[in-house]
Protein backbone atom coordinates (compact mmCIF):
# COMPACT_ATOMS: atom_id res chain seq x y z
CA UNK A 1 0.00 0.00 0.00
CA UNK A 2 1.36 3.39 -0.98
CA UNK A 3 1.16 6.40 1.37
CA UNK A 4 -1.33 9.15 0.43
CA UNK A 5 -0.03 11.10 -2.51
CA UNK A 6 0.60 14.82 -2.53
CA UNK A 7 -0.71 15.85 -5.91
CA UNK A 8 -1.84 19.18 -7.32
CA UNK A 9 -3.92 19.93 -10.37
CA UNK A 10 -2.48 22.96 -12.14
CA UNK A 11 -3.28 24.64 -15.44
CA UNK A 12 -0.88 23.66 -18.25
CA UNK A 13 2.36 25.56 -17.81
CA UNK A 14 5.82 25.86 -19.30
CA UNK A 15 7.17 25.08 -15.83
CA UNK A 16 6.39 21.40 -16.51
CA UNK A 17 8.14 21.29 -19.89
CA UNK A 18 10.89 18.76 -19.17
CA UNK A 19 8.79 16.30 -17.19
CA UNK A 20 5.89 16.63 -19.67
CA UNK A 21 8.19 15.80 -22.59
CA UNK A 22 9.59 12.78 -20.72
CA UNK A 23 6.03 11.65 -20.02
CA UNK A 24 5.10 12.23 -23.66
CA UNK A 25 7.83 9.77 -24.67
CA UNK A 26 6.35 7.18 -22.27
CA UNK A 27 2.83 7.71 -23.62
CA UNK A 28 3.99 7.51 -27.22
CA UNK A 29 5.87 4.25 -26.54
CA UNK A 30 2.55 2.90 -25.29
CA UNK A 31 0.90 3.88 -28.59
CA UNK A 32 -2.32 5.44 -27.31
CA UNK A 33 -3.77 7.29 -30.31
CA UNK A 34 -4.47 10.54 -28.45
CA UNK A 35 -0.80 10.78 -27.47
CA UNK A 36 0.31 10.71 -31.10
CA UNK A 37 -0.10 13.28 -33.83
CA UNK A 38 0.59 16.82 -34.93
CA UNK A 39 -0.54 18.59 -31.76
CA UNK A 40 2.03 16.72 -29.69
CA UNK A 41 4.72 17.37 -32.25
CA UNK A 42 4.08 21.06 -31.51
CA UNK A 43 4.85 20.31 -27.85
CA UNK A 44 8.28 19.05 -28.84
CA UNK A 45 9.03 22.02 -31.12
CA UNK A 46 7.34 24.94 -29.36
CA UNK A 47 6.19 24.09 -25.86
CA UNK A 48 4.92 27.58 -25.08
CA UNK A 49 2.62 27.46 -28.11
CA UNK A 50 1.41 24.00 -27.07
CA UNK A 51 0.56 25.33 -23.58
CA UNK A 52 -1.27 28.30 -25.12
CA UNK A 53 -3.32 25.91 -27.27
CA UNK A 54 -4.25 23.81 -24.22
CA UNK A 55 -5.33 26.91 -22.28
CA UNK A 56 -7.32 28.21 -25.28
CA UNK A 57 -9.34 24.96 -25.44
CA UNK A 58 -11.49 26.26 -22.58
CA UNK A 59 -12.93 28.85 -24.97
CA UNK A 60 -12.76 26.93 -28.26
CA UNK A 61 -16.00 25.82 -29.86
CA UNK A 62 -16.53 24.40 -33.34
CA UNK A 63 -19.16 22.21 -34.95
CA UNK A 64 -17.42 19.17 -33.44
CA UNK A 65 -15.61 20.56 -30.37
CA UNK A 66 -17.00 21.87 -27.09
CA UNK A 67 -14.96 23.90 -24.58
CA UNK A 68 -12.60 21.80 -22.47
CA UNK A 69 -10.45 22.80 -19.49
CA UNK A 70 -7.14 20.98 -19.08
CA UNK A 71 -5.42 20.33 -15.78
CA UNK A 72 -2.01 18.79 -15.26
CA UNK A 73 -1.31 16.59 -12.26
CA UNK A 74 1.97 17.56 -10.63
CA UNK A 75 3.82 15.82 -7.81
CA UNK A 76 7.06 17.33 -6.52
CA UNK A 77 7.26 19.61 -9.59
CA UNK A 78 6.90 16.61 -11.93
CA UNK A 79 4.10 16.11 -14.49
CA UNK A 80 2.45 12.78 -13.63
CA UNK A 81 -0.82 12.95 -15.53
CA UNK A 82 -3.48 15.02 -17.18
CA UNK A 83 -7.21 15.41 -16.76
CA UNK A 84 -9.59 17.38 -18.96
CA UNK A 85 -13.15 18.49 -18.29
CA UNK A 86 -15.54 19.08 -21.18
CA UNK A 87 -17.92 21.89 -20.23
CA UNK A 88 -20.83 20.10 -21.91
CA UNK A 89 -21.54 16.95 -23.89
CA UNK A 90 -21.67 16.69 -27.65
CA UNK A 91 -23.26 13.68 -29.31
CA UNK A 92 -19.79 12.18 -29.82
CA UNK A 93 -18.84 12.68 -26.15
CA UNK A 94 -22.13 11.08 -25.02
CA UNK A 95 -21.15 8.02 -27.02
CA UNK A 96 -17.46 7.84 -26.15
CA UNK A 97 -15.48 10.16 -23.94
CA UNK A 98 -17.87 11.79 -21.51
CA UNK A 99 -17.24 14.98 -19.57
CA UNK A 100 -13.91 13.94 -18.07
CA UNK A 101 -10.91 12.11 -19.48
CA UNK A 102 -7.60 11.41 -17.80
CA UNK A 103 -4.26 9.68 -18.29
CA UNK A 104 -1.56 8.78 -15.79
CA UNK A 105 2.08 8.65 -16.87
CA UNK A 106 2.87 4.92 -17.24
CA UNK A 107 5.82 4.96 -14.81
CA UNK A 108 3.63 6.24 -11.94
CA UNK A 109 0.54 4.09 -12.45
CA UNK A 110 -0.78 1.97 -9.62
CA UNK A 111 -0.09 4.64 -6.98
CA UNK A 112 -3.48 6.33 -6.83
CA UNK A 113 -2.62 9.22 -9.17
CA UNK A 114 -5.71 8.82 -11.37
CA UNK A 115 -8.01 8.41 -8.37
CA UNK A 116 -6.64 11.59 -6.80
CA UNK A 117 -6.76 13.51 -10.11
CA UNK A 118 -10.43 12.68 -10.50
CA UNK A 119 -11.19 13.48 -6.86
CA UNK A 120 -9.62 16.93 -7.29
CA UNK A 121 -11.27 17.53 -10.67
CA UNK A 122 -14.86 16.90 -9.57
CA UNK A 123 -15.22 20.20 -7.65
CA UNK A 124 -13.65 21.99 -10.63
CA UNK A 125 -16.30 20.45 -12.88
CA UNK A 126 -18.94 21.74 -10.48
CA UNK A 127 -17.55 25.29 -10.78
CA UNK A 128 -18.11 25.00 -14.54
CA UNK A 129 -21.83 24.59 -13.82
CA UNK A 130 -22.01 20.82 -14.19
CA UNK A 131 -24.35 19.02 -11.79
CA UNK A 132 -23.31 15.50 -12.79
CA UNK A 133 -20.60 14.17 -15.06
CA UNK A 134 -20.38 11.26 -17.46
CA UNK A 135 -17.19 9.22 -17.61
CA UNK A 136 -16.75 6.41 -20.09
CA UNK A 137 -14.15 3.68 -20.17
CA UNK A 138 -13.56 0.38 -21.87
CA UNK A 139 -15.11 -2.67 -20.25
CA UNK A 140 -11.69 -4.37 -20.25
CA UNK A 141 -10.03 -1.58 -18.21
CA UNK A 142 -10.54 -2.57 -14.55
CA UNK A 143 -8.11 0.10 -13.32
CA UNK A 144 -10.31 2.82 -14.77
CA UNK A 145 -13.45 1.17 -13.36
CA UNK A 146 -11.89 1.34 -9.88
CA UNK A 147 -10.84 5.00 -10.28
CA UNK A 148 -14.35 6.05 -11.28
CA UNK A 149 -16.11 3.90 -8.68
CA UNK A 150 -13.83 5.16 -5.87
CA UNK A 151 -14.98 8.65 -6.81
CA UNK A 152 -18.68 7.87 -6.59
CA UNK A 153 -19.31 6.72 -10.14
CA UNK A 154 -22.44 4.67 -10.75
CA UNK A 155 -22.44 2.34 -13.73
CA UNK A 156 -25.58 3.06 -15.72
CA UNK A 157 -24.93 1.17 -18.92
CA UNK A 158 -22.50 -1.00 -20.85
CA UNK A 159 -22.76 -1.26 -24.61
CA UNK A 160 -20.73 -2.33 -27.60
CA UNK A 161 -20.22 0.49 -30.09
CA UNK A 162 -18.13 -1.47 -32.56
CA UNK A 163 -17.53 -5.21 -32.84
CA UNK A 164 -13.77 -4.63 -33.18
CA UNK A 165 -13.46 -2.84 -29.81
CA UNK A 166 -14.31 -3.68 -26.21
CA UNK A 167 -17.71 -2.70 -24.85
CA UNK A 168 -17.93 0.79 -23.34
CA UNK A 169 -19.01 1.46 -19.74
CA UNK A 170 -20.97 4.62 -18.89
CA UNK A 171 -20.62 5.97 -15.36
CA UNK A 172 -22.30 9.04 -13.88
CA UNK A 173 -21.04 10.96 -10.85
CA UNK A 174 -23.29 13.51 -9.14
CA UNK A 175 -21.58 16.77 -8.17
CA UNK A 176 -22.63 18.48 -4.95
């Protein structure tokens, strides 16, 4: 059992540049699709611009995107994860994604980082005017099930969106 972690959620910042880029390498080795691509190449070339883009997401709205606030989990001045809160749900987010998404740096998983990130993010979601939040995760991801359930998530539905992927779980957490 690990001792309680001392973690902060902070807005994206250039202060985390080195540890973020190290974490980016870990995520990219893992091959998760959202940690690959042009946006993250910007992080490697022009970190300040990348941070500005992340901060601007809270005001960005298009036909397919809703505003989203990013928070970075920091322990002892080291980036250890990220969590993002969508201010509302689009049709696509209702199907897959939900209000809140998070990732923990692979080398610090299993220590309660994701559970603590979500715990700290829920009051922030409430300040955005949300009264309950939807979180989705794959049915074959028991670690994510535990994170959501430890934070008050109630499983409302499981459904298969595509026969080539695992079923998706839909959890709701009331915010008070």
